[in-house]
Amino acid sequence: MTTRKPNAFGGAVKKLSDFQTHKTAVMEGERIIKVHPHEVECRQQIRGKNNPGFTEESLKELGDDIEQNGQAEAAVLRPHPDPKSGFKYLMVAGERRLRACELKGILLEGVVRNLTDVQAKRIQRSENVQREGLMQIEIALSLKADKEELGTLQAVADEWKKSVSWVSERLSYLDAIESGAATRTAVQNGITADVSVVNDLARLERIDPVAAAAVVERVGDDPDLNMRNEVRTELKSAKTLKVGGKKPTSEIELLKEQVAVLKERVNTLMTEKKYLTEELDKTRLQVANQWNDNE
């Protein structure tokens, strides 16, 4: 008897008290204070409100854990920049703890730091990217927003302290979800949230939409199937049929199939290289313009 796999988004969340195992590093000279949740303003952060960790049930579970065992991780706060706001602090990291304490009517433990907007944003990213609850799609949306603001992949990569390929792969992930029917279904239905699997499924859908839809349906119906293996097997077969029109029946044809697959990979890499070269040229042009302005 098989057991259905948990939703790749919601079901991936472990027992909510586990979220507290990542400790906030308390710096020298800092002290943990207790504040009333109503003193803290919490503006929209990277983690969306539809995240499974923000349901009333999950917040109540976290609140019960804090009430019974204490708050294992202090929230990070900053003095509110607007004295007329009615709030004393602005939330930097720890929104779930704040909501849980507010729900239970208990005080929130936190450390107060004097931070700029940029520093606060980086702390939020550092905390959220390391946690299992942050959806890949939310990271991709945040990367897309930064790409529109900063202009180049390299600038975004520098901001996130990641490689250009890491950024590019997640932007491709977002494009795949927005443009592909089977790919979008796989993500929406919680069949997979893995970046590389989603991108491979998008490649399969471009070559053979029927095969891509069949994989999504098959894995959705059978929780014992490995989505990554299923997608890559179908992708390999689809590429072979696209090139030769038939499945290999001999060792020579098998070798031809492998060559065709490698050629397809080379073509993909060449496309990515062209895209990255264009991004590099844009960056060089921006730097040159900045030098000219300074002169």
C-alpha atoms as a PDB file:
ATOM      1  CA  MET A   1       0.000   0.000   0.000  1.00  0.00           C
ATOM      2  CA  THR A   2       1.392   3.370  -0.991  1.00  0.00           C
ATOM      3  CA  THR A   3       1.179   6.628   0.890  1.00  0.00           C
ATOM      4  CA  ARG A   4       0.646   9.845  -1.043  1.00  0.00           C
ATOM      5  CA  LYS A   5       3.646  12.117  -0.964  1.00  0.00           C
ATOM      6  CA  PRO A   6       3.186  15.427   0.841  1.00  0.00           C
ATOM      7  CA  ASN A   7       2.548  18.540  -1.189  1.00  0.00           C
ATOM      8  CA  ALA A   8       5.883  19.846  -2.410  1.00  0.00           C
ATOM      9  CA  PHE A   9       5.043  23.215  -0.890  1.00  0.00           C
ATOM     10  CA  GLY A  10       2.717  22.789   2.081  1.00  0.00           C
ATOM     11  CA  GLY A  11       3.533  19.191   2.895  1.00  0.00           C
ATOM     12  CA  ALA A  12       7.253  19.888   2.948  1.00  0.00           C
ATOM     13  CA  VAL A  13       6.806  21.843   6.173  1.00  0.00           C
ATOM     14  CA  LYS A  14       7.906  19.804   9.146  1.00  0.00           C
ATOM     15  CA  LYS A  15       6.528  20.122  12.654  1.00  0.00           C
ATOM     16  CA  LEU A  16       6.457  23.860  13.125  1.00  0.00           C
ATOM     17  CA  SER A  17       8.577  23.976  16.244  1.00  0.00           C
ATOM     18  CA  ASP A  18      11.408  22.678  14.030  1.00  0.00           C
ATOM     19  CA  PHE A  19      11.566  26.097  12.419  1.00  0.00           C
ATOM     20  CA  GLN A  20      13.088  27.407  15.644  1.00  0.00           C
ATOM     21  CA  THR A  21      16.182  25.228  15.484  1.00  0.00           C
ATOM     22  CA  HIS A  22      18.072  27.842  13.430  1.00  0.00           C
ATOM     23  CA  LYS A  23      19.269  30.278  16.092  1.00  0.00           C
ATOM     24  CA  THR A  24      19.584  34.013  15.612  1.00  0.00           C
ATOM     25  CA  ALA A  25      23.190  34.934  16.339  1.00  0.00           C
ATOM     26  CA  VAL A  26      23.167  37.431  19.229  1.00  0.00           C
ATOM     27  CA  MET A  27      26.055  39.835  18.738  1.00  0.00           C
ATOM     28  CA  GLU A  28      28.377  41.054  21.454  1.00  0.00           C
ATOM     29  CA  GLY A  29      26.730  43.789  23.490  1.00  0.00           C
ATOM     30  CA  GLU A  30      23.217  42.848  22.375  1.00  0.00           C
ATOM     31  CA  ARG A  31      20.557  41.722  24.774  1.00  0.00           C
ATOM     32  CA  ILE A  32      17.298  39.954  24.168  1.00  0.00           C
ATOM     33  CA  ILE A  33      14.289  42.041  25.160  1.00  0.00           C
ATOM     34  CA  LYS A  34      10.596  41.210  25.459  1.00  0.00           C
ATOM     35  CA  VAL A  35       8.165  43.394  23.532  1.00  0.00           C
ATOM     36  CA  HIS A  36       4.420  43.446  22.997  1.00  0.00           C
ATOM     37  CA  PRO A  37       3.519  42.288  19.453  1.00  0.00           C
ATOM     38  CA  HIS A  38       1.436  45.456  18.983  1.00  0.00           C
ATOM     39  CA  GLU A  39       4.630  47.505  19.275  1.00  0.00           C
ATOM     40  CA  VAL A  40       6.055  45.907  16.133  1.00  0.00           C
ATOM     41  CA  GLU A  41       5.095  46.762  12.559  1.00  0.00           C
ATOM     42  CA  CYS A  42       5.573  43.907  10.129  1.00  0.00           C
ATOM     43  CA  ARG A  43       5.713  44.952   6.497  1.00  0.00           C
ATOM     44  CA  GLN A  44       5.507  42.524   3.580  1.00  0.00           C
ATOM     45  CA  GLN A  45       8.582  40.325   3.352  1.00  0.00           C
ATOM     46  CA  ILE A  46       9.850  37.721   0.871  1.00  0.00           C
ATOM     47  CA  ARG A  47       7.793  34.967   2.447  1.00  0.00           C
ATOM     48  CA  GLY A  48       4.207  35.204   1.174  1.00  0.00           C
ATOM     49  CA  LYS A  49       1.128  35.130   3.376  1.00  0.00           C
ATOM     50  CA  ASN A  50      -0.141  32.014   1.563  1.00  0.00           C
ATOM     51  CA  ASN A  51       2.884  30.128   2.876  1.00  0.00           C
ATOM     52  CA  PRO A  52       1.679  27.067   4.836  1.00  0.00           C
ATOM     53  CA  GLY A  53       3.569  28.326   7.886  1.00  0.00           C
ATOM     54  CA  PHE A  54       1.130  31.241   8.161  1.00  0.00           C
ATOM     55  CA  THR A  55      -2.123  29.337   8.531  1.00  0.00           C
ATOM     56  CA  GLU A  56      -3.913  29.887  11.828  1.00  0.00           C
ATOM     57  CA  GLU A  57      -3.381  26.230  12.753  1.00  0.00           C
ATOM     58  CA  SER A  58       0.374  26.368  12.172  1.00  0.00           C
ATOM     59  CA  LEU A  59       0.739  29.674  14.021  1.00  0.00           C
ATOM     60  CA  LYS A  60      -1.224  28.282  16.968  1.00  0.00           C
ATOM     61  CA  GLU A  61       1.054  25.224  17.054  1.00  0.00           C
ATOM     62  CA  LEU A  62       4.135  27.442  17.048  1.00  0.00           C
ATOM     63  CA  GLY A  63       2.562  29.684  19.721  1.00  0.00           C
ATOM     64  CA  ASP A  64       1.838  26.666  21.927  1.00  0.00           C
ATOM     65  CA  ASP A  65       5.436  25.531  21.537  1.00  0.00           C
ATOM     66  CA  ILE A  66       6.779  28.980  22.484  1.00  0.00           C
ATOM     67  CA  GLU A  67       4.421  29.183  25.456  1.00  0.00           C
ATOM     68  CA  GLN A  68       5.393  25.747  26.743  1.00  0.00           C
ATOM     69  CA  ASN A  69       9.104  25.611  25.898  1.00  0.00           C
ATOM     70  CA  GLY A  70      10.145  29.215  25.469  1.00  0.00           C
ATOM     71  CA  GLN A  71      11.117  31.052  22.293  1.00  0.00           C
ATOM     72  CA  ALA A  72      14.243  29.306  21.062  1.00  0.00           C
ATOM     73  CA  GLU A  73      15.087  31.961  18.455  1.00  0.00           C
ATOM     74  CA  ALA A  74      14.957  35.697  19.038  1.00  0.00           C
ATOM     75  CA  ALA A  75      13.359  37.877  16.373  1.00  0.00           C
ATOM     76  CA  VAL A  76      15.441  40.641  14.800  1.00  0.00           C
ATOM     77  CA  LEU A  77      13.919  44.117  15.134  1.00  0.00           C
ATOM     78  CA  ARG A  78      15.015  47.618  14.232  1.00  0.00           C
ATOM     79  CA  PRO A  79      13.886  50.957  15.682  1.00  0.00           C
ATOM     80  CA  HIS A  80      10.928  52.225  13.683  1.00  0.00           C
ATOM     81  CA  PRO A  81      12.084  55.017  11.332  1.00  0.00           C
ATOM     82  CA  ASP A  82       8.775  56.912  11.641  1.00  0.00           C
ATOM     83  CA  PRO A  83       8.006  58.127  15.187  1.00  0.00           C
ATOM     84  CA  LYS A  84       4.440  58.961  14.103  1.00  0.00           C
ATOM     85  CA  SER A  85       3.700  55.425  12.929  1.00  0.00           C
ATOM     86  CA  GLY A  86       2.355  54.271  16.267  1.00  0.00           C
ATOM     87  CA  PHE A  87       4.918  51.455  16.383  1.00  0.00           C
ATOM     88  CA  LYS A  88       8.142  51.262  18.341  1.00  0.00           C
ATOM     89  CA  TYR A  89       9.889  48.668  16.181  1.00  0.00           C
ATOM     90  CA  LEU A  90       9.991  47.411  12.605  1.00  0.00           C
ATOM     91  CA  MET A  91      10.220  43.648  11.975  1.00  0.00           C
ATOM     92  CA  VAL A  92      13.343  42.412  10.186  1.00  0.00           C
ATOM     93  CA  ALA A  93      13.262  38.642  10.744  1.00  0.00           C
ATOM     94  CA  GLY A  94      10.769  36.614  12.735  1.00  0.00           C
ATOM     95  CA  GLU A  95       7.322  37.326  11.314  1.00  0.00           C
ATOM     96  CA  ARG A  96       5.965  33.868  12.189  1.00  0.00           C
ATOM     97  CA  ARG A  97       7.123  34.218  15.790  1.00  0.00           C
ATOM     98  CA  LEU A  98       5.473  37.626  15.962  1.00  0.00           C
ATOM     99  CA  ARG A  99       2.160  36.314  14.582  1.00  0.00           C
ATOM    100  CA  ALA A 100       2.268  33.294  16.882  1.00  0.00           C
ATOM    101  CA  CYS A 101       2.923  35.422  19.983  1.00  0.00           C
ATOM    102  CA  GLU A 102       0.178  37.841  18.944  1.00  0.00           C
ATOM    103  CA  LEU A 103      -2.261  34.964  18.546  1.00  0.00           C
ATOM    104  CA  LYS A 104      -1.376  33.544  21.974  1.00  0.00           C
ATOM    105  CA  GLY A 105      -1.246  36.943  23.706  1.00  0.00           C
ATOM    106  CA  ILE A 106       2.358  36.530  24.876  1.00  0.00           C
ATOM    107  CA  LEU A 107       5.414  38.764  24.609  1.00  0.00           C
ATOM    108  CA  LEU A 108       7.871  38.424  21.723  1.00  0.00           C
ATOM    109  CA  GLU A 109      11.579  38.010  22.410  1.00  0.00           C
ATOM    110  CA  GLY A 110      13.854  39.934  20.071  1.00  0.00           C
ATOM    111  CA  VAL A 111      17.095  41.795  19.565  1.00  0.00           C
ATOM    112  CA  VAL A 112      17.074  45.400  18.339  1.00  0.00           C
ATOM    113  CA  ARG A 113      19.610  46.454  15.728  1.00  0.00           C
ATOM    114  CA  ASN A 114      20.227  49.751  13.962  1.00  0.00           C
ATOM    115  CA  LEU A 115      20.021  48.649  10.345  1.00  0.00           C
ATOM    116  CA  THR A 116      19.636  50.293   6.955  1.00  0.00           C
ATOM    117  CA  ASP A 117      16.939  49.091   4.557  1.00  0.00           C
ATOM    118  CA  VAL A 118      19.580  47.199   2.555  1.00  0.00           C
ATOM    119  CA  GLN A 119      21.002  45.483   5.641  1.00  0.00           C
ATOM    120  CA  ALA A 120      17.523  44.507   6.800  1.00  0.00           C
ATOM    121  CA  LYS A 121      16.678  43.053   3.401  1.00  0.00           C
ATOM    122  CA  ARG A 122      19.844  40.949   3.402  1.00  0.00           C
ATOM    123  CA  ILE A 123      19.091  39.545   6.853  1.00  0.00           C
ATOM    124  CA  GLN A 124      15.607  38.579   5.676  1.00  0.00           C
ATOM    125  CA  ARG A 125      17.040  36.796   2.655  1.00  0.00           C
ATOM    126  CA  SER A 126      19.720  35.026   4.648  1.00  0.00           C
ATOM    127  CA  GLU A 127      17.149  33.677   7.067  1.00  0.00           C
ATOM    128  CA  ASN A 128      14.450  32.826   4.544  1.00  0.00           C
ATOM    129  CA  VAL A 129      16.592  31.144   1.891  1.00  0.00           C
ATOM    130  CA  GLN A 130      18.022  28.789   4.519  1.00  0.00           C
ATOM    131  CA  ARG A 131      14.579  27.706   5.694  1.00  0.00           C
ATOM    132  CA  GLU A 132      12.585  24.929   4.115  1.00  0.00           C
ATOM    133  CA  GLY A 133       9.341  26.909   4.184  1.00  0.00           C
ATOM    134  CA  LEU A 134      10.330  29.510   1.580  1.00  0.00           C
ATOM    135  CA  MET A 135       8.842  28.512  -1.764  1.00  0.00           C
ATOM    136  CA  GLN A 136      11.109  28.407  -4.770  1.00  0.00           C
ATOM    137  CA  ILE A 137       8.585  30.425  -6.704  1.00  0.00           C
ATOM    138  CA  GLU A 138       8.811  33.243  -4.154  1.00  0.00           C
ATOM    139  CA  ILE A 139      12.591  33.291  -4.475  1.00  0.00           C
ATOM    140  CA  ALA A 140      12.224  33.400  -8.266  1.00  0.00           C
ATOM    141  CA  LEU A 141       9.745  36.277  -8.074  1.00  0.00           C
ATOM    142  CA  SER A 142      12.101  38.182  -5.803  1.00  0.00           C
ATOM    143  CA  LEU A 143      14.987  37.531  -8.212  1.00  0.00           C
ATOM    144  CA  LYS A 144      12.867  38.752 -11.110  1.00  0.00           C
ATOM    145  CA  ALA A 145      12.046  41.955  -9.244  1.00  0.00           C
ATOM    146  CA  ASP A 146      15.744  42.493  -8.515  1.00  0.00           C
ATOM    147  CA  LYS A 147      16.601  41.803 -12.178  1.00  0.00           C
ATOM    148  CA  GLU A 148      14.148  44.514 -13.250  1.00  0.00           C
ATOM    149  CA  GLU A 149      15.621  46.901 -10.685  1.00  0.00           C
ATOM    150  CA  LEU A 150      19.343  46.119 -11.073  1.00  0.00           C
ATOM    151  CA  GLY A 151      19.374  45.398 -14.805  1.00  0.00           C
ATOM    152  CA  THR A 152      21.787  42.443 -15.122  1.00  0.00           C
ATOM    153  CA  LEU A 153      22.112  38.877 -13.900  1.00  0.00           C
ATOM    154  CA  GLN A 154      25.573  39.636 -12.535  1.00  0.00           C
ATOM    155  CA  ALA A 155      24.229  42.481 -10.409  1.00  0.00           C
ATOM    156  CA  VAL A 156      21.496  40.221  -9.040  1.00  0.00           C
ATOM    157  CA  ALA A 157      24.009  37.432  -8.378  1.00  0.00           C
ATOM    158  CA  ASP A 158      26.247  39.854  -6.487  1.00  0.00           C
ATOM    159  CA  GLU A 159      23.308  41.104  -4.443  1.00  0.00           C
ATOM    160  CA  TRP A 160      22.266  37.574  -3.468  1.00  0.00           C
ATOM    161  CA  LYS A 161      25.882  36.359  -3.153  1.00  0.00           C
ATOM    162  CA  LYS A 162      25.145  33.530  -5.596  1.00  0.00           C
ATOM    163  CA  SER A 163      26.467  32.522  -9.019  1.00  0.00           C
ATOM    164  CA  VAL A 164      24.991  33.842 -12.253  1.00  0.00           C
ATOM    165  CA  SER A 165      23.941  30.303 -13.189  1.00  0.00           C
ATOM    166  CA  TRP A 166      22.059  29.974  -9.861  1.00  0.00           C
ATOM    167  CA  VAL A 167      20.099  33.130 -10.664  1.00  0.00           C
ATOM    168  CA  SER A 168      19.540  32.170 -14.310  1.00  0.00           C
ATOM    169  CA  GLU A 169      18.245  28.719 -13.388  1.00  0.00           C
ATOM    170  CA  ARG A 170      15.622  30.182 -11.037  1.00  0.00           C
ATOM    171  CA  LEU A 171      14.504  32.792 -13.531  1.00  0.00           C
ATOM    172  CA  SER A 172      14.109  29.963 -16.056  1.00  0.00           C
ATOM    173  CA  TYR A 173      12.069  28.137 -13.400  1.00  0.00           C
ATOM    174  CA  LEU A 174       9.703  31.093 -13.176  1.00  0.00           C
ATOM    175  CA  ASP A 175       9.423  31.345 -16.964  1.00  0.00           C
ATOM    176  CA  ALA A 176       8.662  27.631 -17.136  1.00  0.00           C
ATOM    177  CA  ILE A 177       5.812  27.931 -14.659  1.00  0.00           C
ATOM    178  CA  GLU A 178       4.370  30.977 -16.403  1.00  0.00           C
ATOM    179  CA  SER A 179       4.564  29.548 -19.937  1.00  0.00           C
ATOM    180  CA  GLY A 180       4.049  25.787 -19.638  1.00  0.00           C
ATOM    181  CA  ALA A 181       0.706  24.110 -18.983  1.00  0.00           C
ATOM    182  CA  ALA A 182       2.064  20.783 -17.684  1.00  0.00           C
ATOM    183  CA  THR A 183       4.874  22.524 -15.809  1.00  0.00           C
ATOM    184  CA  ARG A 184       2.481  24.921 -14.134  1.00  0.00           C
ATOM    185  CA  THR A 185       0.178  22.032 -13.187  1.00  0.00           C
ATOM    186  CA  ALA A 186       3.079  20.114 -11.637  1.00  0.00           C
ATOM    187  CA  VAL A 187       3.949  23.053  -9.399  1.00  0.00           C
ATOM    188  CA  GLN A 188       0.396  24.113  -8.560  1.00  0.00           C
ATOM    189  CA  ASN A 189      -0.592  20.565  -7.634  1.00  0.00           C
ATOM    190  CA  GLY A 190       2.463  20.115  -5.443  1.00  0.00           C
ATOM    191  CA  ILE A 191       3.959  17.311  -7.524  1.00  0.00           C
ATOM    192  CA  THR A 192       7.360  18.955  -7.606  1.00  0.00           C
ATOM    193  CA  ALA A 193       8.951  22.217  -6.521  1.00  0.00           C
ATOM    194  CA  ASP A 194      12.499  21.217  -7.453  1.00  0.00           C
ATOM    195  CA  VAL A 195      14.154  23.810  -9.681  1.00  0.00           C
ATOM    196  CA  SER A 196      16.100  21.417 -11.922  1.00  0.00           C
ATOM    197  CA  VAL A 197      13.162  19.029 -12.301  1.00  0.00           C
ATOM    198  CA  VAL A 198      10.800  21.843 -13.258  1.00  0.00           C
ATOM    199  CA  ASN A 199      13.291  23.163 -15.816  1.00  0.00           C
ATOM    200  CA  ASP A 200      13.754  19.670 -17.288  1.00  0.00           C
ATOM    201  CA  LEU A 201       9.975  19.254 -17.457  1.00  0.00           C
ATOM    202  CA  ALA A 202       9.748  22.570 -19.313  1.00  0.00           C
ATOM    203  CA  ARG A 203      12.314  21.318 -21.862  1.00  0.00           C
ATOM    204  CA  LEU A 204      10.267  18.140 -22.321  1.00  0.00           C
ATOM    205  CA  GLU A 205       7.092  20.170 -22.755  1.00  0.00           C
ATOM    206  CA  ARG A 206       8.690  22.253 -25.515  1.00  0.00           C
ATOM    207  CA  ILE A 207       9.661  19.067 -27.392  1.00  0.00           C
ATOM    208  CA  ASP A 208       6.618  16.897 -26.601  1.00  0.00           C
ATOM    209  CA  PRO A 209       3.726  18.516 -24.679  1.00  0.00           C
ATOM    210  CA  VAL A 210       1.738  15.277 -24.620  1.00  0.00           C
ATOM    211  CA  ALA A 211       4.608  13.367 -22.994  1.00  0.00           C
ATOM    212  CA  ALA A 212       5.084  16.144 -20.417  1.00  0.00           C
ATOM    213  CA  ALA A 213       1.400  16.095 -19.484  1.00  0.00           C
ATOM    214  CA  ALA A 214       1.502  12.301 -19.223  1.00  0.00           C
ATOM    215  CA  VAL A 215       4.468  12.424 -16.824  1.00  0.00           C
ATOM    216  CA  VAL A 216       2.694  14.904 -14.575  1.00  0.00           C
ATOM    217  CA  GLU A 217      -0.468  12.794 -14.528  1.00  0.00           C
ATOM    218  CA  ARG A 218       1.465   9.562 -13.975  1.00  0.00           C
ATOM    219  CA  VAL A 219       3.539  10.856 -11.069  1.00  0.00           C
ATOM    220  CA  GLY A 220       0.506  12.605  -9.594  1.00  0.00           C
ATOM    221  CA  ASP A 221      -1.372   9.305  -9.558  1.00  0.00           C
ATOM    222  CA  ASP A 222       1.503   7.165  -8.292  1.00  0.00           C
ATOM    223  CA  PRO A 223       3.366   8.644  -5.289  1.00  0.00           C
ATOM    224  CA  ASP A 224       6.037   5.943  -5.492  1.00  0.00           C
ATOM    225  CA  LEU A 225       7.345   7.231  -8.822  1.00  0.00           C
ATOM    226  CA  ASN A 226      10.410   9.450  -8.849  1.00  0.00           C
ATOM    227  CA  MET A 227       9.543  12.636 -10.738  1.00  0.00           C
ATOM    228  CA  ARG A 228      13.156  13.420 -11.610  1.00  0.00           C
ATOM    229  CA  ASN A 229      13.756   9.986 -13.143  1.00  0.00           C
ATOM    230  CA  GLU A 230      10.459   9.983 -15.008  1.00  0.00           C
ATOM    231  CA  VAL A 231      11.065  13.397 -16.552  1.00  0.00           C
ATOM    232  CA  ARG A 232      14.639  12.637 -17.601  1.00  0.00           C
ATOM    233  CA  THR A 233      13.672   9.269 -19.124  1.00  0.00           C
ATOM    234  CA  GLU A 234      10.902  10.891 -21.166  1.00  0.00           C
ATOM    235  CA  LEU A 235      13.163  13.792 -22.121  1.00  0.00           C
ATOM    236  CA  LYS A 236      15.812  11.430 -23.415  1.00  0.00           C
ATOM    237  CA  SER A 237      13.242   9.480 -25.422  1.00  0.00           C
ATOM    238  CA  ALA A 238      11.622  12.637 -26.793  1.00  0.00           C
ATOM    239  CA  LYS A 239      14.956  14.027 -27.975  1.00  0.00           C
ATOM    240  CA  THR A 240      15.736  10.743 -29.724  1.00  0.00           C
ATOM    241  CA  LEU A 241      12.395  10.647 -31.522  1.00  0.00           C
ATOM    242  CA  LYS A 242      12.769  14.299 -32.478  1.00  0.00           C
ATOM    243  CA  VAL A 243      16.120  13.612 -34.147  1.00  0.00           C
ATOM    244  CA  GLY A 244      15.667  10.115 -35.592  1.00  0.00           C
ATOM    245  CA  GLY A 245      11.923   9.549 -35.642  1.00  0.00           C
ATOM    246  CA  LYS A 246      12.185   6.085 -34.041  1.00  0.00           C
ATOM    247  CA  LYS A 247      13.516   4.362 -30.959  1.00  0.00           C
ATOM    248  CA  PRO A 248      16.956   2.692 -31.111  1.00  0.00           C
ATOM    249  CA  THR A 249      16.952  -0.970 -32.111  1.00  0.00           C
ATOM    250  CA  SER A 250      20.707  -1.585 -32.277  1.00  0.00           C
ATOM    251  CA  GLU A 251      23.924  -0.574 -30.559  1.00  0.00           C
ATOM    252  CA  ILE A 252      24.706   1.869 -33.387  1.00  0.00           C
ATOM    253  CA  GLU A 253      21.333   3.521 -33.067  1.00  0.00           C
ATOM    254  CA  LEU A 254      21.810   3.700 -29.314  1.00  0.00           C
ATOM    255  CA  LEU A 255      25.093   5.531 -29.855  1.00  0.00           C
ATOM    256  CA  LYS A 256      23.364   7.848 -32.317  1.00  0.00           C
ATOM    257  CA  GLU A 257      20.750   8.530 -29.676  1.00  0.00           C
ATOM    258  CA  GLN A 258      23.424   9.428 -27.138  1.00  0.00           C
ATOM    259  CA  VAL A 259      25.097  11.753 -29.642  1.00  0.00           C
ATOM    260  CA  ALA A 260      21.758  13.423 -30.347  1.00  0.00           C
ATOM    261  CA  VAL A 261      21.176  13.982 -26.656  1.00  0.00           C
ATOM    262  CA  LEU A 262      24.650  15.472 -26.248  1.00  0.00           C
ATOM    263  CA  LYS A 263      24.065  17.762 -29.225  1.00  0.00           C
ATOM    264  CA  GLU A 264      20.849  18.946 -27.646  1.00  0.00           C
ATOM    265  CA  ARG A 265      22.680  19.716 -24.434  1.00  0.00           C
ATOM    266  CA  VAL A 266      25.356  21.611 -26.362  1.00  0.00           C
ATOM    267  CA  ASN A 267      22.665  23.647 -28.105  1.00  0.00           C
ATOM    268  CA  THR A 268      21.089  24.463 -24.748  1.00  0.00           C
ATOM    269  CA  LEU A 269      24.440  25.551 -23.328  1.00  0.00           C
ATOM    270  CA  MET A 270      25.152  27.677 -26.400  1.00  0.00           C
ATOM    271  CA  THR A 271      21.809  29.413 -25.958  1.00  0.00           C
ATOM    272  CA  GLU A 272      22.575  30.075 -22.308  1.00  0.00           C
ATOM    273  CA  LYS A 273      26.058  31.300 -23.264  1.00  0.00           C
ATOM    274  CA  LYS A 274      24.579  33.748 -25.766  1.00  0.00           C
ATOM    275  CA  TYR A 275      22.182  35.042 -23.140  1.00  0.00           C
ATOM    276  CA  LEU A 276      24.926  35.467 -20.533  1.00  0.00           C
ATOM    277  CA  THR A 277      27.211  37.150 -23.084  1.00  0.00           C
ATOM    278  CA  GLU A 278      24.515  39.703 -23.798  1.00  0.00           C
ATOM    279  CA  GLU A 279      24.165  40.330 -20.064  1.00  0.00           C
ATOM    280  CA  LEU A 280      27.931  40.752 -19.754  1.00  0.00           C
ATOM    281  CA  ASP A 281      27.976  43.247 -22.641  1.00  0.00           C
ATOM    282  CA  LYS A 282      25.238  45.260 -20.948  1.00  0.00           C
ATOM    283  CA  THR A 283      27.247  45.330 -17.719  1.00  0.00           C
ATOM    284  CA  ARG A 284      30.401  46.456 -19.543  1.00  0.00           C
ATOM    285  CA  LEU A 285      28.434  49.211 -21.271  1.00  0.00           C
ATOM    286  CA  GLN A 286      27.032  50.405 -17.938  1.00  0.00           C
ATOM    287  CA  VAL A 287      30.514  50.490 -16.416  1.00  0.00           C
ATOM    288  CA  ALA A 288      31.880  52.379 -19.425  1.00  0.00           C
ATOM    289  CA  ASN A 289      29.075  54.919 -19.191  1.00  0.00           C
ATOM    290  CA  GLN A 290      29.762  55.398 -15.487  1.00  0.00           C
ATOM    291  CA  TRP A 291      33.440  56.079 -16.236  1.00  0.00           C
ATOM    292  CA  ASN A 292      32.470  58.587 -18.917  1.00  0.00           C
ATOM    293  CA  ASP A 293      30.096  60.350 -16.529  1.00  0.00           C
ATOM    294  CA  ASN A 294      32.827  60.568 -13.881  1.00  0.00           C
ATOM    295  CA  GLU A 295      35.241  62.106 -16.376  1.00  0.00           C
END
